[in-house]
Amino acid sequence: MTDFKFKDEEVTQLMKLLSAAEERIACHRKIIIHEEETIKHLRPILRKYCDHVWVNDSLEPSKKRCQKCLLLKEPIE
């Protein structure tokens, strides 16, 4: 197996790419958190006003998901 021989300028460029990638990942994490907060506020409205059509969830077949609003059906206690 051969050893990699990078020039200083190549290492600098790779580090810039790594830094930019890390910044994008941090930005995406913030977007996901923001979207999750929005969903928390929408759920009660969807529960109240959607005419649910329950189907088996593709990720968890033992659970039901509304085909219209995508909420998971809560178990009846």
PDB file of N, CA and C in Angstrom:
ATOM      1  N   MET A   1       0.837  -1.174   0.000  1.00  0.00           N
ATOM      2  CA  MET A   1       0.000   0.000   0.000  1.00  0.00           C
ATOM      3  C   MET A   1       0.885   1.241   0.000  1.00  0.00           C
ATOM      4  N   THR A   2       0.522   2.216  -0.772  1.00  0.00           N
ATOM      5  CA  THR A   2       1.348   3.411  -0.882  1.00  0.00           C
ATOM      6  C   THR A   2       0.924   4.460   0.134  1.00  0.00           C
ATOM      7  N   ASP A   3       1.874   5.265   0.553  1.00  0.00           N
ATOM      8  CA  ASP A   3       1.585   6.376   1.468  1.00  0.00           C
ATOM      9  C   ASP A   3       1.147   7.588   0.664  1.00  0.00           C
ATOM     10  N   PHE A   4       0.219   8.333   1.222  1.00  0.00           N
ATOM     11  CA  PHE A   4      -0.226   9.548   0.561  1.00  0.00           C
ATOM     12  C   PHE A   4       0.790  10.652   0.822  1.00  0.00           C
ATOM     13  N   LYS A   5       1.118  11.391  -0.202  1.00  0.00           N
ATOM     14  CA  LYS A   5       2.043  12.525  -0.085  1.00  0.00           C
ATOM     15  C   LYS A   5       1.293  13.775  -0.520  1.00  0.00           C
ATOM     16  N   PHE A   6       0.692  14.467   0.435  1.00  0.00           N
ATOM     17  CA  PHE A   6      -0.046  15.680   0.119  1.00  0.00           C
ATOM     18  C   PHE A   6       0.864  16.892   0.249  1.00  0.00           C
ATOM     19  N   LYS A   7       0.661  17.830  -0.632  1.00  0.00           N
ATOM     20  CA  LYS A   7       1.355  19.105  -0.538  1.00  0.00           C
ATOM     21  C   LYS A   7       0.620  19.965   0.479  1.00  0.00           C
ATOM     22  N   ASP A   8       1.305  20.982   1.008  1.00  0.00           N
ATOM     23  CA  ASP A   8       0.693  21.872   1.996  1.00  0.00           C
ATOM     24  C   ASP A   8      -0.559  22.541   1.449  1.00  0.00           C
ATOM     25  N   GLU A   9      -0.523  22.975   0.216  1.00  0.00           N
ATOM     26  CA  GLU A   9      -1.693  23.640  -0.370  1.00  0.00           C
ATOM     27  C   GLU A   9      -2.869  22.683  -0.522  1.00  0.00           C
ATOM     28  N   GLU A  10      -2.587  21.407  -0.790  1.00  0.00           N
ATOM     29  CA  GLU A  10      -3.661  20.410  -0.894  1.00  0.00           C
ATOM     30  C   GLU A  10      -4.287  20.161   0.478  1.00  0.00           C
ATOM     31  N   VAL A  11      -3.457  20.087   1.506  1.00  0.00           N
ATOM     32  CA  VAL A  11      -3.958  19.893   2.864  1.00  0.00           C
ATOM     33  C   VAL A  11      -4.821  21.086   3.269  1.00  0.00           C
ATOM     34  N   THR A  12      -4.360  22.296   2.930  1.00  0.00           N
ATOM     35  CA  THR A  12      -5.127  23.497   3.240  1.00  0.00           C
ATOM     36  C   THR A  12      -6.484  23.456   2.551  1.00  0.00           C
ATOM     37  N   GLN A  13      -6.506  23.080   1.294  1.00  0.00           N
ATOM     38  CA  GLN A  13      -7.764  23.000   0.546  1.00  0.00           C
ATOM     39  C   GLN A  13      -8.694  21.941   1.145  1.00  0.00           C
ATOM     40  N   LEU A  14      -8.145  20.799   1.511  1.00  0.00           N
ATOM     41  CA  LEU A  14      -8.955  19.746   2.139  1.00  0.00           C
ATOM     42  C   LEU A  14      -9.533  20.215   3.479  1.00  0.00           C
ATOM     43  N   MET A  15      -8.761  20.946   4.245  1.00  0.00           N
ATOM     44  CA  MET A  15      -9.243  21.454   5.532  1.00  0.00           C
ATOM     45  C   MET A  15     -10.361  22.476   5.332  1.00  0.00           C
ATOM     46  N   LYS A  16     -10.269  23.294   4.269  1.00  0.00           N
ATOM     47  CA  LYS A  16     -11.339  24.239   3.955  1.00  0.00           C
ATOM     48  C   LYS A  16     -12.624  23.494   3.588  1.00  0.00           C
ATOM     49  N   LEU A  17     -12.481  22.427   2.806  1.00  0.00           N
ATOM     50  CA  LEU A  17     -13.645  21.618   2.434  1.00  0.00           C
ATOM     51  C   LEU A  17     -14.283  20.988   3.663  1.00  0.00           C
ATOM     52  N   LEU A  18     -13.449  20.481   4.571  1.00  0.00           N
ATOM     53  CA  LEU A  18     -13.940  19.872   5.804  1.00  0.00           C
ATOM     54  C   LEU A  18     -14.686  20.903   6.653  1.00  0.00           C
ATOM     55  N   SER A  19     -14.119  22.073   6.772  1.00  0.00           N
ATOM     56  CA  SER A  19     -14.749  23.136   7.551  1.00  0.00           C
ATOM     57  C   SER A  19     -16.103  23.525   6.964  1.00  0.00           C
ATOM     58  N   ALA A  20     -16.167  23.680   5.654  1.00  0.00           N
ATOM     59  CA  ALA A  20     -17.425  24.028   4.993  1.00  0.00           C
ATOM     60  C   ALA A  20     -18.468  22.939   5.196  1.00  0.00           C
ATOM     61  N   ALA A  21     -18.053  21.682   5.128  1.00  0.00           N
ATOM     62  CA  ALA A  21     -18.977  20.560   5.336  1.00  0.00           C
ATOM     63  C   ALA A  21     -19.515  20.570   6.764  1.00  0.00           C
ATOM     64  N   GLU A  22     -18.656  20.845   7.736  1.00  0.00           N
ATOM     65  CA  GLU A  22     -19.089  20.895   9.131  1.00  0.00           C
ATOM     66  C   GLU A  22     -20.075  22.035   9.357  1.00  0.00           C
ATOM     67  N   GLU A  23     -19.859  23.179   8.706  1.00  0.00           N
ATOM     68  CA  GLU A  23     -20.787  24.306   8.815  1.00  0.00           C
ATOM     69  C   GLU A  23     -22.153  23.939   8.238  1.00  0.00           C
ATOM     70  N   ARG A  24     -22.163  23.242   7.106  1.00  0.00           N
ATOM     71  CA  ARG A  24     -23.439  22.834   6.506  1.00  0.00           C
ATOM     72  C   ARG A  24     -24.172  21.844   7.397  1.00  0.00           C
ATOM     73  N   ILE A  25     -23.451  20.923   8.001  1.00  0.00           N
ATOM     74  CA  ILE A  25     -24.066  19.949   8.902  1.00  0.00           C
ATOM     75  C   ILE A  25     -24.696  20.660  10.092  1.00  0.00           C
ATOM     76  N   ALA A  26     -23.988  21.622  10.667  1.00  0.00           N
ATOM     77  CA  ALA A  26     -24.533  22.381  11.802  1.00  0.00           C
ATOM     78  C   ALA A  26     -25.786  23.137  11.383  1.00  0.00           C
ATOM     79  N   CYS A  27     -25.782  23.702  10.199  1.00  0.00           N
ATOM     80  CA  CYS A  27     -26.942  24.430   9.691  1.00  0.00           C
ATOM     81  C   CYS A  27     -28.132  23.483   9.505  1.00  0.00           C
ATOM     82  N   HIS A  28     -27.891  22.312   8.975  1.00  0.00           N
ATOM     83  CA  HIS A  28     -28.965  21.332   8.766  1.00  0.00           C
ATOM     84  C   HIS A  28     -29.546  20.882  10.096  1.00  0.00           C
ATOM     85  N   ARG A  29     -28.702  20.738  11.103  1.00  0.00           N
ATOM     86  CA  ARG A  29     -29.201  20.345  12.424  1.00  0.00           C
ATOM     87  C   ARG A  29     -30.139  21.407  12.978  1.00  0.00           C
ATOM     88  N   LYS A  30     -29.778  22.694  12.794  1.00  0.00           N
ATOM     89  CA  LYS A  30     -30.635  23.780  13.264  1.00  0.00           C
ATOM     90  C   LYS A  30     -31.964  23.777  12.518  1.00  0.00           C
ATOM     91  N   ILE A  31     -31.922  23.515  11.226  1.00  0.00           N
ATOM     92  CA  ILE A  31     -33.155  23.464  10.428  1.00  0.00           C
ATOM     93  C   ILE A  31     -34.052  22.336  10.921  1.00  0.00           C
ATOM     94  N   ILE A  32     -33.476  21.178  11.207  1.00  0.00           N
ATOM     95  CA  ILE A  32     -34.253  20.026  11.680  1.00  0.00           C
ATOM     96  C   ILE A  32     -34.920  20.361  13.011  1.00  0.00           C
ATOM     97  N   ILE A  33     -34.185  20.989  13.921  1.00  0.00           N
ATOM     98  CA  ILE A  33     -34.754  21.364  15.223  1.00  0.00           C
ATOM     99  C   ILE A  33     -35.916  22.327  15.024  1.00  0.00           C
ATOM    100  N   HIS A  34     -35.743  23.292  14.147  1.00  0.00           N
ATOM    101  CA  HIS A  34     -36.805  24.262  13.864  1.00  0.00           C
ATOM    102  C   HIS A  34     -38.041  23.563  13.298  1.00  0.00           C
ATOM    103  N   GLU A  35     -37.848  22.638  12.374  1.00  0.00           N
ATOM    104  CA  GLU A  35     -38.976  21.918  11.773  1.00  0.00           C
ATOM    105  C   GLU A  35     -39.682  21.042  12.798  1.00  0.00           C
ATOM    106  N   GLU A  36     -38.929  20.427  13.704  1.00  0.00           N
ATOM    107  CA  GLU A  36     -39.548  19.609  14.741  1.00  0.00           C
ATOM    108  C   GLU A  36     -40.419  20.457  15.657  1.00  0.00           C
ATOM    109  N   GLU A  37     -39.975  21.667  15.964  1.00  0.00           N
ATOM    110  CA  GLU A  37     -40.781  22.578  16.783  1.00  0.00           C
ATOM    111  C   GLU A  37     -42.069  22.958  16.061  1.00  0.00           C
ATOM    112  N   THR A  38     -41.980  23.196  14.772  1.00  0.00           N
ATOM    113  CA  THR A  38     -43.168  23.530  13.977  1.00  0.00           C
ATOM    114  C   THR A  38     -44.161  22.372  14.002  1.00  0.00           C
ATOM    115  N   ILE A  39     -43.667  21.161  13.841  1.00  0.00           N
ATOM    116  CA  ILE A  39     -44.532  19.976  13.844  1.00  0.00           C
ATOM    117  C   ILE A  39     -45.240  19.827  15.190  1.00  0.00           C
ATOM    118  N   LYS A  40     -44.542  20.122  16.286  1.00  0.00           N
ATOM    119  CA  LYS A  40     -45.169  20.037  17.607  1.00  0.00           C
ATOM    120  C   LYS A  40     -46.392  20.941  17.708  1.00  0.00           C
ATOM    121  N   HIS A  41     -46.316  22.117  17.072  1.00  0.00           N
ATOM    122  CA  HIS A  41     -47.439  23.049  17.115  1.00  0.00           C
ATOM    123  C   HIS A  41     -48.560  22.636  16.164  1.00  0.00           C
ATOM    124  N   LEU A  42     -48.231  21.936  15.105  1.00  0.00           N
ATOM    125  CA  LEU A  42     -49.232  21.521  14.126  1.00  0.00           C
ATOM    126  C   LEU A  42     -50.007  20.280  14.546  1.00  0.00           C
ATOM    127  N   ARG A  43     -49.396  19.406  15.308  1.00  0.00           N
ATOM    128  CA  ARG A  43     -50.041  18.131  15.656  1.00  0.00           C
ATOM    129  C   ARG A  43     -51.426  18.292  16.272  1.00  0.00           C
ATOM    130  N   PRO A  44     -51.600  19.155  17.273  1.00  0.00           N
ATOM    131  CA  PRO A  44     -52.952  19.279  17.861  1.00  0.00           C
ATOM    132  C   PRO A  44     -53.992  19.747  16.843  1.00  0.00           C
ATOM    133  N   ILE A  45     -53.592  20.620  15.952  1.00  0.00           N
ATOM    134  CA  ILE A  45     -54.515  21.112  14.928  1.00  0.00           C
ATOM    135  C   ILE A  45     -54.882  19.984  13.965  1.00  0.00           C
ATOM    136  N   LEU A  46     -53.883  19.219  13.546  1.00  0.00           N
ATOM    137  CA  LEU A  46     -54.135  18.105  12.632  1.00  0.00           C
ATOM    138  C   LEU A  46     -55.025  17.051  13.288  1.00  0.00           C
ATOM    139  N   ARG A  47     -54.773  16.761  14.569  1.00  0.00           N
ATOM    140  CA  ARG A  47     -55.592  15.766  15.274  1.00  0.00           C
ATOM    141  C   ARG A  47     -57.064  16.179  15.293  1.00  0.00           C
ATOM    142  N   LYS A  48     -57.278  17.474  15.458  1.00  0.00           N
ATOM    143  CA  LYS A  48     -58.642  17.968  15.610  1.00  0.00           C
ATOM    144  C   LYS A  48     -59.387  18.072  14.285  1.00  0.00           C
ATOM    145  N   TYR A  49     -58.731  18.508  13.222  1.00  0.00           N
ATOM    146  CA  TYR A  49     -59.443  18.865  11.995  1.00  0.00           C
ATOM    147  C   TYR A  49     -59.263  17.916  10.811  1.00  0.00           C
ATOM    148  N   CYS A  50     -58.324  16.990  10.865  1.00  0.00           N
ATOM    149  CA  CYS A  50     -58.107  16.083   9.738  1.00  0.00           C
ATOM    150  C   CYS A  50     -59.121  14.937   9.782  1.00  0.00           C
ATOM    151  N   ASP A  51     -59.682  14.595   8.639  1.00  0.00           N
ATOM    152  CA  ASP A  51     -60.518  13.395   8.524  1.00  0.00           C
ATOM    153  C   ASP A  51     -59.569  12.238   8.235  1.00  0.00           C
ATOM    154  N   HIS A  52     -59.047  11.652   9.286  1.00  0.00           N
ATOM    155  CA  HIS A  52     -57.968  10.676   9.172  1.00  0.00           C
ATOM    156  C   HIS A  52     -58.347   9.454   8.338  1.00  0.00           C
ATOM    157  N   VAL A  53     -57.389   9.007   7.556  1.00  0.00           N
ATOM    158  CA  VAL A  53     -57.478   7.760   6.813  1.00  0.00           C
ATOM    159  C   VAL A  53     -56.277   6.930   7.270  1.00  0.00           C
ATOM    160  N   TRP A  54     -56.535   5.977   8.185  1.00  0.00           N
ATOM    161  CA  TRP A  54     -55.453   5.230   8.802  1.00  0.00           C
ATOM    162  C   TRP A  54     -55.011   4.073   7.913  1.00  0.00           C
ATOM    163  N   VAL A  55     -53.715   3.975   7.694  1.00  0.00           N
ATOM    164  CA  VAL A  55     -53.111   2.877   6.932  1.00  0.00           C
ATOM    165  C   VAL A  55     -51.912   2.367   7.722  1.00  0.00           C
ATOM    166  N   ASN A  56     -51.454   1.158   7.406  1.00  0.00           N
ATOM    167  CA  ASN A  56     -50.270   0.625   8.068  1.00  0.00           C
ATOM    168  C   ASN A  56     -49.057   1.486   7.738  1.00  0.00           C
ATOM    169  N   ASP A  57     -48.282   1.776   8.759  1.00  0.00           N
ATOM    170  CA  ASP A  57     -47.078   2.584   8.582  1.00  0.00           C
ATOM    171  C   ASP A  57     -46.023   1.756   7.860  1.00  0.00           C
ATOM    172  N   SER A  58     -45.364   2.353   6.886  1.00  0.00           N
ATOM    173  CA  SER A  58     -44.356   1.605   6.120  1.00  0.00           C
ATOM    174  C   SER A  58     -43.108   1.324   6.954  1.00  0.00           C
ATOM    175  N   LEU A  59     -42.811   2.175   7.932  1.00  0.00           N
ATOM    176  CA  LEU A  59     -41.622   1.967   8.765  1.00  0.00           C
ATOM    177  C   LEU A  59     -41.895   1.010   9.920  1.00  0.00           C
ATOM    178  N   GLU A  60     -43.086   1.104  10.483  1.00  0.00           N
ATOM    179  CA  GLU A  60     -43.478   0.230  11.588  1.00  0.00           C
ATOM    180  C   GLU A  60     -44.862  -0.339  11.290  1.00  0.00           C
ATOM    181  N   PRO A  61     -44.917  -1.501  10.645  1.00  0.00           N
ATOM    182  CA  PRO A  61     -46.211  -2.069  10.217  1.00  0.00           C
ATOM    183  C   PRO A  61     -47.208  -2.310  11.349  1.00  0.00           C
ATOM    184  N   SER A  62     -46.739  -2.396  12.586  1.00  0.00           N
ATOM    185  CA  SER A  62     -47.663  -2.618  13.697  1.00  0.00           C
ATOM    186  C   SER A  62     -48.409  -1.339  14.083  1.00  0.00           C
ATOM    187  N   LYS A  63     -47.989  -0.200  13.536  1.00  0.00           N
ATOM    188  CA  LYS A  63     -48.632   1.079  13.843  1.00  0.00           C
ATOM    189  C   LYS A  63     -49.392   1.586  12.633  1.00  0.00           C
ATOM    190  N   LYS A  64     -50.345   2.475  12.896  1.00  0.00           N
ATOM    191  CA  LYS A  64     -51.142   3.087  11.839  1.00  0.00           C
ATOM    192  C   LYS A  64     -50.717   4.544  11.677  1.00  0.00           C
ATOM    193  N   ARG A  65     -50.721   5.027  10.415  1.00  0.00           N
ATOM    194  CA  ARG A  65     -50.383   6.410  10.108  1.00  0.00           C
ATOM    195  C   ARG A  65     -51.474   6.979   9.210  1.00  0.00           C
ATOM    196  N   CYS A  66     -51.830   8.239   9.463  1.00  0.00           N
ATOM    197  CA  CYS A  66     -52.841   8.876   8.633  1.00  0.00           C
ATOM    198  C   CYS A  66     -52.249   9.160   7.256  1.00  0.00           C
ATOM    199  N   GLN A  67     -52.973   8.751   6.242  1.00  0.00           N
ATOM    200  CA  GLN A  67     -52.510   8.924   4.865  1.00  0.00           C
ATOM    201  C   GLN A  67     -52.519  10.401   4.465  1.00  0.00           C
ATOM    202  N   LYS A  68     -53.371  11.203   5.097  1.00  0.00           N
ATOM    203  CA  LYS A  68     -53.494  12.622   4.745  1.00  0.00           C
ATOM    204  C   LYS A  68     -52.492  13.503   5.488  1.00  0.00           C
ATOM    205  N   CYS A  69     -52.469  13.411   6.821  1.00  0.00           N
ATOM    206  CA  CYS A  69     -51.643  14.337   7.608  1.00  0.00           C
ATOM    207  C   CYS A  69     -50.368  13.703   8.163  1.00  0.00           C
ATOM    208  N   LEU A  70     -50.196  12.387   7.980  1.00  0.00           N
ATOM    209  CA  LEU A  70     -48.998  11.629   8.375  1.00  0.00           C
ATOM    210  C   LEU A  70     -48.800  11.467   9.873  1.00  0.00           C
ATOM    211  N   LEU A  71     -49.831  11.742  10.678  1.00  0.00           N
ATOM    212  CA  LEU A  71     -49.721  11.510  12.116  1.00  0.00           C
ATOM    213  C   LEU A  71     -49.808  10.025  12.414  1.00  0.00           C
ATOM    214  N   LEU A  72     -49.080   9.598  13.435  1.00  0.00           N
ATOM    215  CA  LEU A  72     -49.216   8.222  13.922  1.00  0.00           C
ATOM    216  C   LEU A  72     -50.446   8.141  14.807  1.00  0.00           C
ATOM    217  N   LYS A  73     -51.173   7.047  14.684  1.00  0.00           N
ATOM    218  CA  LYS A  73     -52.373   6.847  15.506  1.00  0.00           C
ATOM    219  C   LYS A  73     -51.922   6.509  16.918  1.00  0.00           C
ATOM    220  N   GLU A  74     -52.511   7.232  17.860  1.00  0.00           N
ATOM    221  CA  GLU A  74     -52.165   7.003  19.263  1.00  0.00           C
ATOM    222  C   GLU A  74     -52.947   5.805  19.787  1.00  0.00           C
ATOM    223  N   PRO A  75     -52.280   4.971  20.580  1.00  0.00           N
ATOM    224  CA  PRO A  75     -52.994   3.797  21.109  1.00  0.00           C
ATOM    225  C   PRO A  75     -54.111   4.229  22.070  1.00  0.00           C
ATOM    226  N   ILE A  76     -55.217   3.491  22.034  1.00  0.00           N
ATOM    227  CA  ILE A  76     -56.349   3.774  22.924  1.00  0.00           C
ATOM    228  C   ILE A  76     -56.048   3.148  24.285  1.00  0.00           C
ATOM    229  N   GLU A  77     -56.134   3.960  25.304  1.00  0.00           N
ATOM    230  CA  GLU A  77     -55.818   3.467  26.666  1.00  0.00           C
ATOM    231  C   GLU A  77     -57.063   3.151  27.437  1.00  0.00           C
TER     232      GLU A  77
END
